[in-house]
């Protein structure tokens, strides 16, 4: 660990999240990393969100969205 790395306290309590699996790799998820198995998988998922890989399908066109912004 480098000197500039922050110290993250270990969580108390159970390390498993009710038998849930990491959505990135499928390993058992840990409470420390919420629904992921590690910080690496959490960062991979965050990167996917930021790149726009996840989206919600809609029938709205870009013109409809622009009209809604003008209101």
PDB file of N, CA and C in Angstrom:
ATOM      1  N   UNK A   1       0.852  -1.177   0.000  1.00  0.00           N
ATOM      2  CA  UNK A   1       0.000   0.000   0.000  1.00  0.00           C
ATOM      3  C   UNK A   1       0.894   1.234   0.000  1.00  0.00           C
ATOM      4  N   UNK A   2       0.628   2.164  -0.899  1.00  0.00           N
ATOM      5  CA  UNK A   2       1.399   3.403  -0.988  1.00  0.00           C
ATOM      6  C   UNK A   2       1.006   4.346   0.140  1.00  0.00           C
ATOM      7  N   UNK A   3       1.885   5.284   0.447  1.00  0.00           N
ATOM      8  CA  UNK A   3       1.606   6.224   1.534  1.00  0.00           C
ATOM      9  C   UNK A   3       0.381   7.085   1.263  1.00  0.00           C
ATOM     10  N   UNK A   4       0.061   7.351  -0.007  1.00  0.00           N
ATOM     11  CA  UNK A   4      -1.071   8.210  -0.322  1.00  0.00           C
ATOM     12  C   UNK A   4      -2.405   7.477  -0.309  1.00  0.00           C
ATOM     13  N   UNK A   5      -2.375   6.131  -0.236  1.00  0.00           N
ATOM     14  CA  UNK A   5      -3.623   5.370  -0.219  1.00  0.00           C
ATOM     15  C   UNK A   5      -4.342   5.569   1.109  1.00  0.00           C
ATOM     16  N   UNK A   6      -5.655   5.841   1.066  1.00  0.00           N
ATOM     17  CA  UNK A   6      -6.394   6.004   2.319  1.00  0.00           C
ATOM     18  C   UNK A   6      -6.596   4.656   3.009  1.00  0.00           C
ATOM     19  N   UNK A   7      -6.708   4.696   4.309  1.00  0.00           N
ATOM     20  CA  UNK A   7      -6.983   3.491   5.076  1.00  0.00           C
ATOM     21  C   UNK A   7      -8.491   3.315   5.143  1.00  0.00           C
ATOM     22  N   UNK A   8      -8.956   2.196   4.645  1.00  0.00           N
ATOM     23  CA  UNK A   8     -10.392   1.898   4.644  1.00  0.00           C
ATOM     24  C   UNK A   8     -10.658   0.884   5.744  1.00  0.00           C
ATOM     25  N   UNK A   9     -11.521   1.233   6.714  1.00  0.00           N
ATOM     26  CA  UNK A   9     -11.782   0.300   7.808  1.00  0.00           C
ATOM     27  C   UNK A   9     -12.520  -0.942   7.311  1.00  0.00           C
ATOM     28  N   UNK A  10     -12.184  -2.073   7.895  1.00  0.00           N
ATOM     29  CA  UNK A  10     -12.868  -3.316   7.560  1.00  0.00           C
ATOM     30  C   UNK A  10     -14.272  -3.271   8.139  1.00  0.00           C
ATOM     31  N   UNK A  11     -15.260  -3.774   7.400  1.00  0.00           N
ATOM     32  CA  UNK A  11     -16.621  -3.757   7.911  1.00  0.00           C
ATOM     33  C   UNK A  11     -16.791  -4.761   9.043  1.00  0.00           C
ATOM     34  N   UNK A  12     -17.697  -4.443   9.923  1.00  0.00           N
ATOM     35  CA  UNK A  12     -18.043  -5.398  10.971  1.00  0.00           C
ATOM     36  C   UNK A  12     -19.314  -6.100  10.542  1.00  0.00           C
ATOM     37  N   UNK A  13     -19.485  -7.313  10.978  1.00  0.00           N
ATOM     38  CA  UNK A  13     -20.679  -8.057  10.603  1.00  0.00           C
ATOM     39  C   UNK A  13     -20.388  -9.032   9.478  1.00  0.00           C
ATOM     40  N   UNK A  14     -21.430  -9.576   8.862  1.00  0.00           N
ATOM     41  CA  UNK A  14     -21.247 -10.610   7.850  1.00  0.00           C
ATOM     42  C   UNK A  14     -20.541 -10.082   6.603  1.00  0.00           C
ATOM     43  N   UNK A  15     -19.737 -10.938   5.997  1.00  0.00           N
ATOM     44  CA  UNK A  15     -19.041 -10.548   4.779  1.00  0.00           C
ATOM     45  C   UNK A  15     -19.828 -10.910   3.531  1.00  0.00           C
ATOM     46  N   UNK A  16     -20.762 -11.775   3.642  1.00  0.00           N
ATOM     47  CA  UNK A  16     -21.585 -12.166   2.493  1.00  0.00           C
ATOM     48  C   UNK A  16     -22.854 -11.324   2.469  1.00  0.00           C
ATOM     49  N   UNK A  17     -23.404 -11.111   1.290  1.00  0.00           N
ATOM     50  CA  UNK A  17     -24.623 -10.305   1.148  1.00  0.00           C
ATOM     51  C   UNK A  17     -25.801 -11.205   0.805  1.00  0.00           C
ATOM     52  N   UNK A  18     -26.116 -12.116   1.685  1.00  0.00           N
ATOM     53  CA  UNK A  18     -27.288 -12.956   1.502  1.00  0.00           C
ATOM     54  C   UNK A  18     -27.210 -13.905   0.314  1.00  0.00           C
ATOM     55  N   UNK A  19     -26.033 -14.378  -0.034  1.00  0.00           N
ATOM     56  CA  UNK A  19     -25.892 -15.312  -1.134  1.00  0.00           C
ATOM     57  C   UNK A  19     -25.916 -14.682  -2.512  1.00  0.00           C
ATOM     58  N   UNK A  20     -25.897 -13.358  -2.578  1.00  0.00           N
ATOM     59  CA  UNK A  20     -25.883 -12.677  -3.870  1.00  0.00           C
ATOM     60  C   UNK A  20     -24.562 -12.879  -4.577  1.00  0.00           C
ATOM     61  N   UNK A  21     -24.605 -12.773  -5.887  1.00  0.00           N
ATOM     62  CA  UNK A  21     -23.417 -12.919  -6.708  1.00  0.00           C
ATOM     63  C   UNK A  21     -23.039 -11.581  -7.319  1.00  0.00           C
ATOM     64  N   UNK A  22     -21.757 -11.387  -7.540  1.00  0.00           N
ATOM     65  CA  UNK A  22     -21.242 -10.181  -8.187  1.00  0.00           C
ATOM     66  C   UNK A  22     -21.794 -10.133  -9.614  1.00  0.00           C
ATOM     67  N   UNK A  23     -22.403  -9.011 -10.030  1.00  0.00           N
ATOM     68  CA  UNK A  23     -22.970  -8.936 -11.372  1.00  0.00           C
ATOM     69  C   UNK A  23     -21.911  -8.894 -12.475  1.00  0.00           C
ATOM     70  N   UNK A  24     -20.659  -8.642 -12.128  1.00  0.00           N
ATOM     71  CA  UNK A  24     -19.593  -8.558 -13.132  1.00  0.00           C
ATOM     72  C   UNK A  24     -18.960  -9.923 -13.378  1.00  0.00           C
ATOM     73  N   UNK A  25     -18.558 -10.620 -12.295  1.00  0.00           N
ATOM     74  CA  UNK A  25     -17.814 -11.874 -12.465  1.00  0.00           C
ATOM     75  C   UNK A  25     -18.531 -13.109 -11.931  1.00  0.00           C
ATOM     76  N   UNK A  26     -19.561 -12.931 -11.102  1.00  0.00           N
ATOM     77  CA  UNK A  26     -20.319 -14.072 -10.590  1.00  0.00           C
ATOM     78  C   UNK A  26     -19.819 -14.653  -9.285  1.00  0.00           C
ATOM     79  N   UNK A  27     -18.717 -14.115  -8.732  1.00  0.00           N
ATOM     80  CA  UNK A  27     -18.225 -14.581  -7.438  1.00  0.00           C
ATOM     81  C   UNK A  27     -19.169 -14.096  -6.346  1.00  0.00           C
ATOM     82  N   UNK A  28     -19.118 -14.689  -5.144  1.00  0.00           N
ATOM     83  CA  UNK A  28     -19.970 -14.213  -4.044  1.00  0.00           C
ATOM     84  C   UNK A  28     -19.677 -12.746  -3.714  1.00  0.00           C
ATOM     85  N   UNK A  29     -20.712 -11.951  -3.567  1.00  0.00           N
ATOM     86  CA  UNK A  29     -20.571 -10.525  -3.243  1.00  0.00           C
ATOM     87  C   UNK A  29     -20.235 -10.369  -1.764  1.00  0.00           C
ATOM     88  N   UNK A  30     -19.567  -9.273  -1.429  1.00  0.00           N
ATOM     89  CA  UNK A  30     -19.215  -8.994  -0.037  1.00  0.00           C
ATOM     90  C   UNK A  30     -19.896  -7.711   0.425  1.00  0.00           C
ATOM     91  N   UNK A  31     -20.112  -7.603   1.719  1.00  0.00           N
ATOM     92  CA  UNK A  31     -20.738  -6.404   2.283  1.00  0.00           C
ATOM     93  C   UNK A  31     -19.830  -5.193   2.109  1.00  0.00           C
ATOM     94  N   UNK A  32     -18.529  -5.412   2.145  1.00  0.00           N
ATOM     95  CA  UNK A  32     -17.572  -4.308   2.021  1.00  0.00           C
ATOM     96  C   UNK A  32     -17.705  -3.593   0.681  1.00  0.00           C
ATOM     97  N   UNK A  33     -18.018  -4.334  -0.365  1.00  0.00           N
ATOM     98  CA  UNK A  33     -18.109  -3.762  -1.705  1.00  0.00           C
ATOM     99  C   UNK A  33     -19.552  -3.729  -2.202  1.00  0.00           C
ATOM    100  N   UNK A  34     -20.479  -3.664  -1.266  1.00  0.00           N
ATOM    101  CA  UNK A  34     -21.910  -3.590  -1.546  1.00  0.00           C
ATOM    102  C   UNK A  34     -22.354  -4.827  -2.308  1.00  0.00           C
ATOM    103  N   UNK A  35     -22.705  -4.746  -3.561  1.00  0.00           N
ATOM    104  CA  UNK A  35     -23.188  -5.928  -4.276  1.00  0.00           C
ATOM    105  C   UNK A  35     -22.121  -6.533  -5.183  1.00  0.00           C
ATOM    106  N   UNK A  36     -20.864  -6.154  -5.003  1.00  0.00           N
ATOM    107  CA  UNK A  36     -19.766  -6.659  -5.814  1.00  0.00           C
ATOM    108  C   UNK A  36     -18.824  -7.486  -4.943  1.00  0.00           C
ATOM    109  N   UNK A  37     -17.948  -8.262  -5.584  1.00  0.00           N
ATOM    110  CA  UNK A  37     -17.005  -9.092  -4.827  1.00  0.00           C
ATOM    111  C   UNK A  37     -15.736  -8.327  -4.478  1.00  0.00           C
ATOM    112  N   UNK A  38     -15.429  -7.264  -5.233  1.00  0.00           N
ATOM    113  CA  UNK A  38     -14.188  -6.526  -5.002  1.00  0.00           C
ATOM    114  C   UNK A  38     -14.321  -5.102  -5.524  1.00  0.00           C
ATOM    115  N   UNK A  39     -13.352  -4.274  -5.153  1.00  0.00           N
ATOM    116  CA  UNK A  39     -13.329  -2.902  -5.658  1.00  0.00           C
ATOM    117  C   UNK A  39     -13.126  -2.899  -7.174  1.00  0.00           C
ATOM    118  N   UNK A  40     -12.374  -3.868  -7.680  1.00  0.00           N
ATOM    119  CA  UNK A  40     -12.130  -3.955  -9.119  1.00  0.00           C
ATOM    120  C   UNK A  40     -13.445  -4.118  -9.886  1.00  0.00           C
ATOM    121  N   UNK A  41     -14.291  -5.043  -9.447  1.00  0.00           N
ATOM    122  CA  UNK A  41     -15.571  -5.261 -10.130  1.00  0.00           C
ATOM    123  C   UNK A  41     -16.490  -4.045  -9.983  1.00  0.00           C
ATOM    124  N   UNK A  42     -16.467  -3.391  -8.824  1.00  0.00           N
ATOM    125  CA  UNK A  42     -17.267  -2.183  -8.636  1.00  0.00           C
ATOM    126  C   UNK A  42     -16.819  -1.091  -9.603  1.00  0.00           C
ATOM    127  N   UNK A  43     -15.514  -0.960  -9.808  1.00  0.00           N
ATOM    128  CA  UNK A  43     -14.988   0.047 -10.738  1.00  0.00           C
ATOM    129  C   UNK A  43     -15.297  -0.303 -12.188  1.00  0.00           C
ATOM    130  N   UNK A  44     -15.283  -1.581 -12.533  1.00  0.00           N
ATOM    131  CA  UNK A  44     -15.658  -1.997 -13.881  1.00  0.00           C
ATOM    132  C   UNK A  44     -17.106  -1.598 -14.158  1.00  0.00           C
ATOM    133  N   UNK A  45     -17.982  -1.850 -13.188  1.00  0.00           N
ATOM    134  CA  UNK A  45     -19.392  -1.494 -13.349  1.00  0.00           C
ATOM    135  C   UNK A  45     -19.572   0.015 -13.456  1.00  0.00           C
ATOM    136  N   UNK A  46     -18.865   0.783 -12.636  1.00  0.00           N
ATOM    137  CA  UNK A  46     -18.936   2.241 -12.700  1.00  0.00           C
ATOM    138  C   UNK A  46     -18.487   2.729 -14.076  1.00  0.00           C
ATOM    139  N   UNK A  47     -17.416   2.162 -14.593  1.00  0.00           N
ATOM    140  CA  UNK A  47     -16.937   2.529 -15.916  1.00  0.00           C
ATOM    141  C   UNK A  47     -17.977   2.261 -16.993  1.00  0.00           C
ATOM    142  N   UNK A  48     -18.691   1.152 -16.868  1.00  0.00           N
ATOM    143  CA  UNK A  48     -19.757   0.837 -17.835  1.00  0.00           C
ATOM    144  C   UNK A  48     -20.859   1.885 -17.784  1.00  0.00           C
ATOM    145  N   UNK A  49     -21.220   2.317 -16.574  1.00  0.00           N
ATOM    146  CA  UNK A  49     -22.248   3.370 -16.443  1.00  0.00           C
ATOM    147  C   UNK A  49     -21.765   4.664 -17.076  1.00  0.00           C
ATOM    148  N   UNK A  50     -20.521   5.050 -16.782  1.00  0.00           N
ATOM    149  CA  UNK A  50     -20.000   6.317 -17.279  1.00  0.00           C
ATOM    150  C   UNK A  50     -19.823   6.326 -18.802  1.00  0.00           C
ATOM    151  N   UNK A  51     -19.557   5.174 -19.388  1.00  0.00           N
ATOM    152  CA  UNK A  51     -19.425   5.073 -20.844  1.00  0.00           C
ATOM    153  C   UNK A  51     -20.784   5.027 -21.537  1.00  0.00           C
ATOM    154  N   UNK A  52     -21.854   4.843 -20.767  1.00  0.00           N
ATOM    155  CA  UNK A  52     -23.193   4.784 -21.349  1.00  0.00           C
ATOM    156  C   UNK A  52     -23.574   3.399 -21.843  1.00  0.00           C
ATOM    157  N   UNK A  53     -22.904   2.360 -21.352  1.00  0.00           N
ATOM    158  CA  UNK A  53     -23.234   1.000 -21.769  1.00  0.00           C
ATOM    159  C   UNK A  53     -24.601   0.555 -21.273  1.00  0.00           C
ATOM    160  N   UNK A  54     -25.041   1.113 -20.164  1.00  0.00           N
ATOM    161  CA  UNK A  54     -26.352   0.776 -19.621  1.00  0.00           C
ATOM    162  C   UNK A  54     -27.340   1.855 -20.047  1.00  0.00           C
ATOM    163  N   UNK A  55     -28.495   1.452 -20.502  1.00  0.00           N
ATOM    164  CA  UNK A  55     -29.513   2.431 -20.880  1.00  0.00           C
ATOM    165  C   UNK A  55     -30.899   1.836 -20.664  1.00  0.00           C
ATOM    166  N   UNK A  56     -31.870   2.709 -20.584  1.00  0.00           N
ATOM    167  CA  UNK A  56     -33.258   2.303 -20.435  1.00  0.00           C
ATOM    168  C   UNK A  56     -33.950   2.569 -21.765  1.00  0.00           C
ATOM    169  N   UNK A  57     -34.498   1.524 -22.404  1.00  0.00           N
ATOM    170  CA  UNK A  57     -35.157   1.727 -23.694  1.00  0.00           C
ATOM    171  C   UNK A  57     -36.358   2.659 -23.565  1.00  0.00           C
ATOM    172  N   UNK A  58     -36.546   3.508 -24.579  1.00  0.00           N
ATOM    173  CA  UNK A  58     -37.661   4.448 -24.578  1.00  0.00           C
ATOM    174  C   UNK A  58     -38.098   4.712 -26.011  1.00  0.00           C
ATOM    175  N   UNK A  59     -39.310   5.190 -26.166  1.00  0.00           N
ATOM    176  CA  UNK A  59     -39.829   5.564 -27.482  1.00  0.00           C
ATOM    177  C   UNK A  59     -39.594   7.047 -27.751  1.00  0.00           C
ATOM    178  N   UNK A  60     -39.041   7.761 -26.772  1.00  0.00           N
ATOM    179  CA  UNK A  60     -38.815   9.195 -26.899  1.00  0.00           C
ATOM    180  C   UNK A  60     -37.692   9.475 -27.901  1.00  0.00           C
ATOM    181  N   UNK A  61     -37.906  10.454 -28.763  1.00  0.00           N
ATOM    182  CA  UNK A  61     -36.882  10.854 -29.724  1.00  0.00           C
ATOM    183  C   UNK A  61     -36.064  11.999 -29.130  1.00  0.00           C
ATOM    184  N   UNK A  62     -34.888  12.284 -29.684  1.00  0.00           N
ATOM    185  CA  UNK A  62     -34.101  13.417 -29.172  1.00  0.00           C
ATOM    186  C   UNK A  62     -34.858  14.747 -29.264  1.00  0.00           C
ATOM    187  N   UNK A  63     -35.714  14.885 -30.275  1.00  0.00           N
ATOM    188  CA  UNK A  63     -36.503  16.112 -30.401  1.00  0.00           C
ATOM    189  C   UNK A  63     -37.499  16.247 -29.247  1.00  0.00           C
ATOM    190  N   UNK A  64     -38.098  15.113 -28.831  1.00  0.00           N
ATOM    191  CA  UNK A  64     -39.028  15.135 -27.700  1.00  0.00           C
ATOM    192  C   UNK A  64     -38.302  15.558 -26.421  1.00  0.00           C
ATOM    193  N   UNK A  65     -37.100  15.076 -26.245  1.00  0.00           N
ATOM    194  CA  UNK A  65     -36.331  15.423 -25.056  1.00  0.00           C
ATOM    195  C   UNK A  65     -35.977  16.909 -25.056  1.00  0.00           C
ATOM    196  N   UNK A  66     -35.640  17.461 -26.221  1.00  0.00           N
ATOM    197  CA  UNK A  66     -35.306  18.882 -26.322  1.00  0.00           C
ATOM    198  C   UNK A  66     -36.504  19.759 -26.014  1.00  0.00           C
ATOM    199  N   UNK A  67     -37.695  19.344 -26.449  1.00  0.00           N
ATOM    200  CA  UNK A  67     -38.915  20.096 -26.153  1.00  0.00           C
ATOM    201  C   UNK A  67     -39.202  20.105 -24.657  1.00  0.00           C
ATOM    202  N   UNK A  68     -38.934  19.001 -23.978  1.00  0.00           N
ATOM    203  CA  UNK A  68     -39.150  18.913 -22.539  1.00  0.00           C
ATOM    204  C   UNK A  68     -38.213  19.813 -21.755  1.00  0.00           C
ATOM    205  N   UNK A  69     -37.020  20.056 -22.280  1.00  0.00           N
ATOM    206  CA  UNK A  69     -36.043  20.918 -21.615  1.00  0.00           C
ATOM    207  C   UNK A  69     -36.441  22.388 -21.684  1.00  0.00           C
ATOM    208  N   UNK A  70     -37.196  22.778 -22.707  1.00  0.00           N
ATOM    209  CA  UNK A  70     -37.572  24.177 -22.899  1.00  0.00           C
ATOM    210  C   UNK A  70     -38.687  24.639 -21.968  1.00  0.00           C
ATOM    211  N   UNK A  71     -39.375  23.698 -21.356  1.00  0.00           N
ATOM    212  CA  UNK A  71     -40.518  24.064 -20.506  1.00  0.00           C
ATOM    213  C   UNK A  71     -40.108  24.737 -19.264  1.00  0.00           C
TER     214      UNK A  71
END
